Protein backbone atom coordinates (compact mmCIF):
# COMPACT_ATOMS: atom_id res chain seq x y z
CA MET A 1 -38.45 21.41 -11.83
CA SER A 2 -36.43 21.26 -8.43
CA LEU A 3 -38.14 20.82 -4.56
CA THR A 4 -37.02 23.29 -2.54
CA THR A 5 -37.19 23.05 1.11
CA ARG A 6 -37.59 25.69 3.76
CA ILE A 7 -34.66 25.43 6.01
CA THR A 8 -33.59 28.66 8.79
CA VAL A 9 -29.63 29.80 9.21
CA THR A 10 -29.04 31.68 11.73
CA LEU A 11 -26.10 34.18 10.51
CA PHE A 12 -24.54 37.25 11.69
CA SER A 13 -26.43 40.33 12.16
CA ASP A 14 -23.70 42.67 10.51
CA GLN A 15 -23.66 39.73 8.00
CA VAL A 16 -27.37 39.42 7.39
CA ALA A 17 -26.89 43.62 7.31
CA GLU A 18 -24.37 43.11 4.25
CA LEU A 19 -26.30 40.65 2.16
CA ARG A 20 -29.36 42.36 2.90
CA LYS A 21 -27.80 45.94 0.49
CA LEU A 22 -26.39 43.21 -2.21
CA THR A 23 -30.09 41.84 -2.47
CA ASP A 24 -33.50 41.84 -2.35
CA ASN A 25 -33.14 37.35 -3.50
CA VAL A 26 -31.77 36.18 0.24
CA SER A 27 -32.25 32.73 -0.35
CA GLY A 28 -31.03 33.12 -4.25
CA TYR A 29 -28.01 34.57 -3.40
CA VAL A 30 -26.96 31.84 0.23
CA ALA A 31 -29.15 28.95 -2.37
CA GLU A 32 -25.95 29.70 -4.96
CA ALA A 33 -22.98 30.57 -2.40
CA VAL A 34 -24.06 26.84 -1.53
CA ALA A 35 -24.13 25.84 -4.83
CA ARG A 36 -20.40 26.97 -5.68
CA GLN A 37 -19.21 25.99 -1.92
CA ILE A 38 -20.83 22.22 -3.22
CA ARG A 39 -18.99 23.43 -7.05
CA ARG A 40 -15.88 23.25 -4.80
CA GLN A 41 -16.01 20.79 -2.71
CA LEU A 42 -16.57 17.56 -5.73
CA LEU A 43 -14.04 19.36 -7.45
CA GLY A 44 -11.49 19.59 -4.59
CA ASP A 45 -12.44 15.86 -4.18
CA ASP A 46 -11.78 14.31 -8.03
CA LEU A 47 -9.00 16.52 -7.74
CA ARG A 48 -7.41 15.05 -4.32
CA ARG A 49 -8.56 11.07 -5.90
CA HIS A 50 -7.02 12.21 -9.46
CA GLU A 51 -3.81 12.91 -7.22
CA GLU A 52 -3.51 9.60 -5.31
CA GLU A 53 -4.49 7.47 -8.21
CA HIS A 54 -1.76 9.32 -10.96
CA GLY A 55 0.69 11.19 -8.47
CA PRO A 56 0.83 15.59 -8.52
CA PHE A 57 0.10 17.33 -11.17
CA SER A 58 3.02 18.93 -12.79
CA ASP A 59 3.62 22.52 -13.19
CA GLU A 60 3.26 22.22 -17.22
CA GLY A 61 -0.42 20.39 -16.80
CA LEU A 62 -1.47 22.55 -14.40
CA ALA A 63 -0.76 26.21 -17.00
CA GLU A 64 -2.63 23.70 -19.49
CA ALA A 65 -5.88 23.94 -17.14
CA ARG A 66 -5.80 27.46 -15.89
CA GLY A 67 -5.12 28.42 -20.00
CA LYS A 68 -8.50 26.33 -20.81
CA ILE A 69 -10.51 27.65 -17.24
CA VAL A 70 -9.74 30.89 -18.17
CA GLY A 71 -8.39 31.15 -21.67
CA SER A 72 -5.53 32.18 -21.08
CA ALA A 73 -2.36 29.73 -20.57
CA GLY A 74 0.74 30.76 -18.59
CA THR A 75 -0.36 33.93 -17.24
CA SER A 76 -0.70 33.48 -14.50
CA THR A 77 1.98 32.42 -11.67
CA GLY A 78 -0.30 31.20 -8.85
CA THR A 79 -2.57 29.28 -7.72
CA ASP A 80 -5.13 31.98 -7.05
CA ALA A 81 -5.99 31.97 -10.67
CA VAL A 82 -8.04 28.06 -10.20
């Protein structure tokens, strides 16, 4: 089991009101959001390092990666699917 640390976070009142509509477990919700953002940041850092070493990703490589992530290669032409 992971250790926890209690912190204070300041949010806008309207954000808190919406948050409480979504969940009774505000701490769990926020912890999940923070974990997701950390994963996204780390992935972005890894992708930038890869491109610095190997050059930009090809359209073909991006389509293959999307297919592996979403399970259907080449069905999305925008970058919002990844």
